[in-house]
Amino acid sequence: MFLFFALTAACVLAQPKLEIVGNKFEFGSVPQNATITQFFWFKSVGSDTVRITEIKPGCTCVLSPLERDWIAPGDSISVGFYWDTQKRVGGIGIYPYIFTNAGPEPYRVFLTASISVDPAEAYPVSAKPFKLELSRVGDTSVDSLAFVLHSFFEDDVRYSIISYPVAECEIVLPEVLKSETDNTGYIKVRKEYLYTEFQRSITLRFSDKNNSTLTIPIRRKFY
């Protein structure tokens, strides 16, 4: 009898609970008609398995294929969101809903960006080109590119990369952006992804008083 009640109590107490690590992400300055991406870690922090029943990303956002739709206690999975900025302008936000067996109320992630008509004039840092296109047309392939980060800051500025790592590419950036000048960076497709299409982005956060951010879309496309 005691064993029966103990097992019953354990079943009652076992509860699924989801934690989305860093569920708010600011892309900062981004161009129109580009796809920007961010991945979040979904972690099961309850005593029972979390089951993801539905994710509603929004009309201009799509979800990467889920590794699986369940997460055992203590485990986690990476979930990616791909946001098409289209022809929108200004400060925009999208807030996908994540429904689970943890209860009727959905979990949320919050994605915001400042979409620019003329990314070349984006303040305080602009990227040229503002989209990194690593294309392949027949036997001709663009596997690497040089790009420029133009700083409008009056002083040299440091930054950090706050986006999910771009596994498909090697990216080389200067340690510090020199003030009011062009700073060169490089991107190269890793050999294991030369024959793979992908869309990613890299987001930089600068050490100015506003913690300004800039996101550069990256695309590998075959024509």
Protein backbone atom coordinates (compact mmCIF):
# COMPACT_ATOMS: atom_id res chain seq x y z
CA MET A 1 0.00 0.00 0.00
CA PHE A 2 2.80 2.43 0.89
CA LEU A 3 4.52 1.70 -2.43
CA PHE A 4 1.27 2.39 -4.32
CA PHE A 5 0.84 5.80 -2.67
CA ALA A 6 4.52 6.67 -3.21
CA LEU A 7 4.27 5.88 -6.91
CA THR A 8 1.01 7.82 -7.20
CA ALA A 9 2.56 10.86 -5.49
CA ALA A 10 5.59 10.72 -7.78
CA CYS A 11 3.35 10.70 -10.85
CA VAL A 12 1.35 13.65 -9.52
CA LEU A 13 4.47 15.65 -8.67
CA ALA A 14 6.22 15.00 -11.99
CA GLN A 15 5.72 18.16 -14.01
CA PRO A 16 7.17 19.31 -17.35
CA LYS A 17 8.66 22.80 -17.46
CA LEU A 18 10.45 24.60 -20.29
CA GLU A 19 13.11 27.27 -20.05
CA ILE A 20 14.12 29.25 -23.16
CA VAL A 21 17.62 30.55 -22.55
CA GLY A 22 17.86 34.26 -23.47
CA ASN A 23 14.41 34.43 -25.02
CA LYS A 24 14.83 38.08 -26.10
CA PHE A 25 17.09 38.93 -29.04
CA GLU A 26 17.81 42.31 -30.65
CA PHE A 27 19.14 42.13 -34.21
CA GLY A 28 19.72 45.89 -34.37
CA SER A 29 20.27 47.40 -37.80
CA VAL A 30 19.32 45.00 -40.62
CA PRO A 31 18.60 45.41 -44.36
CA GLN A 32 15.31 44.96 -46.16
CA ASN A 33 14.57 41.82 -48.19
CA ALA A 34 16.96 39.63 -46.25
CA THR A 35 16.68 36.61 -43.98
CA ILE A 36 18.14 36.93 -40.49
CA THR A 37 18.42 34.02 -38.08
CA GLN A 38 18.65 33.29 -34.41
CA PHE A 39 18.75 30.02 -32.49
CA PHE A 40 17.59 29.51 -28.91
CA TRP A 41 18.30 26.72 -26.45
CA PHE A 42 15.08 25.09 -25.25
CA LYS A 43 15.82 23.37 -21.93
CA SER A 44 13.66 20.98 -19.95
CA VAL A 45 13.93 22.11 -16.31
CA GLY A 46 10.99 20.21 -14.81
CA SER A 47 10.69 16.67 -13.52
CA ASP A 48 8.90 15.28 -16.58
CA THR A 49 9.51 15.32 -20.35
CA VAL A 50 8.55 18.51 -22.19
CA ARG A 51 6.63 17.85 -25.39
CA ILE A 52 6.42 20.64 -27.96
CA THR A 53 2.94 20.44 -29.46
CA GLU A 54 3.07 23.48 -31.77
CA ILE A 55 5.20 26.50 -32.62
CA LYS A 56 3.63 29.52 -34.33
CA PRO A 57 6.57 31.60 -35.63
CA GLY A 58 4.53 34.37 -37.31
CA CYS A 59 3.77 35.37 -40.88
CA THR A 60 7.29 36.56 -41.85
CA CYS A 61 9.22 34.01 -39.80
CA VAL A 62 9.78 30.29 -40.33
CA LEU A 63 11.05 27.61 -38.00
CA SER A 64 14.02 25.38 -38.64
CA PRO A 65 13.18 21.64 -38.57
CA LEU A 66 13.05 20.50 -34.96
CA GLU A 67 15.67 18.00 -33.88
CA ARG A 68 12.78 16.34 -32.02
CA ASP A 69 9.53 17.47 -30.42
CA TRP A 70 10.31 16.22 -26.92
CA ILE A 71 12.96 17.16 -24.34
CA ALA A 72 13.79 14.89 -21.41
CA PRO A 73 14.38 16.45 -17.96
CA GLY A 74 17.78 18.16 -17.87
CA ASP A 75 18.21 17.95 -21.66
CA SER A 76 18.02 20.73 -24.25
CA ILE A 77 17.70 21.29 -28.00
CA SER A 78 18.57 24.18 -30.30
CA VAL A 79 15.63 25.77 -32.14
CA GLY A 80 16.18 28.22 -35.00
CA PHE A 81 13.97 31.03 -36.31
CA TYR A 82 14.43 32.51 -39.80
CA TRP A 83 12.95 36.00 -40.21
CA ASP A 84 12.35 37.45 -43.69
CA THR A 85 12.52 41.24 -43.27
CA GLN A 86 10.71 41.81 -46.58
CA LYS A 87 10.12 45.51 -47.42
CA ARG A 88 9.34 46.61 -43.91
CA VAL A 89 10.97 49.74 -42.49
CA GLY A 90 11.80 50.87 -38.96
CA GLY A 91 11.55 49.15 -35.61
CA ILE A 92 9.75 45.80 -35.99
CA GLY A 93 9.19 42.90 -33.62
CA ILE A 94 7.93 39.35 -33.96
CA TYR A 95 7.03 37.16 -31.02
CA PRO A 96 6.62 33.43 -31.81
CA TYR A 97 4.40 31.25 -29.61
CA ILE A 98 5.60 27.87 -28.32
CA PHE A 99 2.91 25.49 -27.07
CA THR A 100 3.86 22.54 -24.85
CA ASN A 101 2.42 20.00 -22.45
CA ALA A 102 3.64 22.19 -19.56
CA GLY A 103 0.32 24.04 -19.48
CA PRO A 104 -2.17 26.02 -21.56
CA GLU A 105 -0.15 29.23 -21.63
CA PRO A 106 2.41 29.38 -24.46
CA TYR A 107 6.06 30.24 -24.04
CA ARG A 108 7.41 33.13 -26.14
CA VAL A 109 10.56 34.34 -27.83
CA PHE A 110 10.95 38.02 -28.67
CA LEU A 111 12.80 39.09 -31.82
CA THR A 112 13.25 42.77 -32.67
CA ALA A 113 15.09 44.66 -35.40
CA SER A 114 15.50 48.08 -36.97
CA ILE A 115 15.02 47.53 -40.70
CA SER A 116 16.82 50.04 -42.91
CA VAL A 117 16.07 51.20 -46.46
CA ASP A 118 19.69 52.28 -46.98
CA PRO A 119 21.96 49.96 -44.93
CA ALA A 120 25.07 51.80 -46.22
CA GLU A 121 24.09 54.72 -44.00
CA ALA A 122 23.21 52.61 -40.96
CA TYR A 123 24.48 54.24 -37.76
CA PRO A 124 26.77 53.68 -35.90
CA VAL A 125 28.25 50.87 -38.07
CA SER A 126 27.32 49.81 -41.59
CA ALA A 127 28.33 46.74 -43.58
CA LYS A 128 29.40 46.76 -47.24
CA PRO A 129 28.05 44.65 -48.82
CA PHE A 130 25.17 44.59 -46.37
CA LYS A 131 24.30 41.01 -47.44
CA LEU A 132 27.00 38.39 -47.83
CA GLU A 133 26.04 36.36 -50.91
CA LEU A 134 28.11 33.21 -51.37
CA SER A 135 26.56 32.02 -54.61
CA ARG A 136 27.20 29.21 -57.04
CA VAL A 137 26.26 29.42 -60.74
CA GLY A 138 27.14 26.27 -62.66
CA ASP A 139 30.87 25.68 -62.31
CA THR A 140 31.47 29.20 -60.99
CA SER A 141 31.37 29.50 -57.22
CA VAL A 142 31.89 32.41 -54.83
CA ASP A 143 33.22 30.59 -51.77
CA SER A 144 34.78 33.57 -49.96
CA LEU A 145 34.28 37.30 -49.69
CA ALA A 146 35.91 40.37 -48.19
CA PHE A 147 33.54 42.87 -46.61
CA VAL A 148 33.83 46.20 -44.85
CA LEU A 149 32.46 47.42 -41.53
CA HIS A 150 32.38 51.20 -41.68
CA SER A 151 32.47 52.80 -38.24
CA PHE A 152 30.86 56.19 -37.65
CA PHE A 153 32.10 56.18 -34.04
CA GLU A 154 34.42 59.04 -33.05
CA ASP A 155 36.58 56.60 -31.09
CA ASP A 156 37.76 53.05 -31.65
CA VAL A 157 35.17 50.58 -30.43
CA ARG A 158 35.16 46.96 -29.32
CA TYR A 159 32.32 44.55 -29.94
CA SER A 160 31.15 41.02 -29.25
CA ILE A 161 29.42 38.44 -31.44
CA ILE A 162 26.09 37.67 -29.77
CA SER A 163 24.47 35.44 -32.41
CA TYR A 164 24.52 31.66 -32.63
CA PRO A 165 27.76 30.45 -34.28
CA VAL A 166 27.69 30.16 -38.09
CA ALA A 167 28.95 26.59 -38.42
CA GLU A 168 28.97 26.70 -42.22
CA CYS A 169 31.54 29.51 -42.51
CA GLU A 170 34.83 30.78 -41.21
CA ILE A 171 34.53 34.46 -40.33
CA VAL A 172 37.52 36.70 -39.62
CA LEU A 173 36.92 40.11 -38.07
CA PRO A 174 39.23 42.81 -36.69
CA GLU A 175 39.52 42.80 -32.90
CA VAL A 176 38.66 46.51 -32.72
CA LEU A 177 36.80 48.76 -35.15
CA LYS A 178 38.86 51.83 -35.92
CA SER A 179 36.95 55.09 -35.69
CA GLU A 180 35.40 56.81 -38.72
CA THR A 181 36.94 54.44 -41.27
CA ASP A 182 36.51 51.12 -43.07
CA ASN A 183 37.45 47.92 -41.24
CA THR A 184 37.85 44.78 -43.35
CA GLY A 185 36.48 41.34 -42.54
CA TYR A 186 36.49 38.04 -44.41
CA ILE A 187 34.10 35.12 -44.76
CA LYS A 188 34.77 31.70 -46.29
CA VAL A 189 32.54 28.65 -46.71
CA ARG A 190 33.91 25.61 -44.89
CA LYS A 191 34.78 22.82 -47.31
CA GLU A 192 32.18 20.43 -45.85
CA TYR A 193 29.44 22.95 -46.77
CA LEU A 194 30.60 23.91 -50.28
CA TYR A 195 27.71 21.97 -51.84
CA THR A 196 25.07 23.00 -49.30
CA GLU A 197 22.64 25.91 -49.49
CA PHE A 198 22.08 27.78 -46.23
CA GLN A 199 20.91 31.04 -44.72
CA ARG A 200 22.43 32.44 -41.55
CA SER A 201 23.34 35.81 -40.04
CA ILE A 202 25.92 37.25 -37.67
CA THR A 203 25.02 39.84 -35.04
CA LEU A 204 27.57 42.21 -33.48
CA ARG A 205 26.99 44.20 -30.29
CA PHE A 206 29.19 47.28 -29.84
CA SER A 207 30.58 48.64 -26.61
CA ASP A 208 29.03 52.10 -26.96
CA LYS A 209 26.66 53.55 -24.37
CA ASN A 210 23.64 52.28 -26.33
CA ASN A 211 24.97 48.74 -26.82
CA SER A 212 24.21 49.18 -30.52
CA THR A 213 23.80 46.04 -32.64
CA LEU A 214 24.23 45.21 -36.31
CA THR A 215 23.19 42.03 -38.12
CA ILE A 216 24.69 40.90 -41.43
CA PRO A 217 22.71 38.29 -43.42
CA ILE A 218 24.69 35.40 -44.95
CA ARG A 219 23.35 33.23 -47.77
CA ARG A 220 24.71 30.29 -49.77
CA LYS A 221 22.58 29.97 -52.91
CA PHE A 222 22.85 27.83 -56.04
CA TYR A 223 21.50 29.09 -59.37
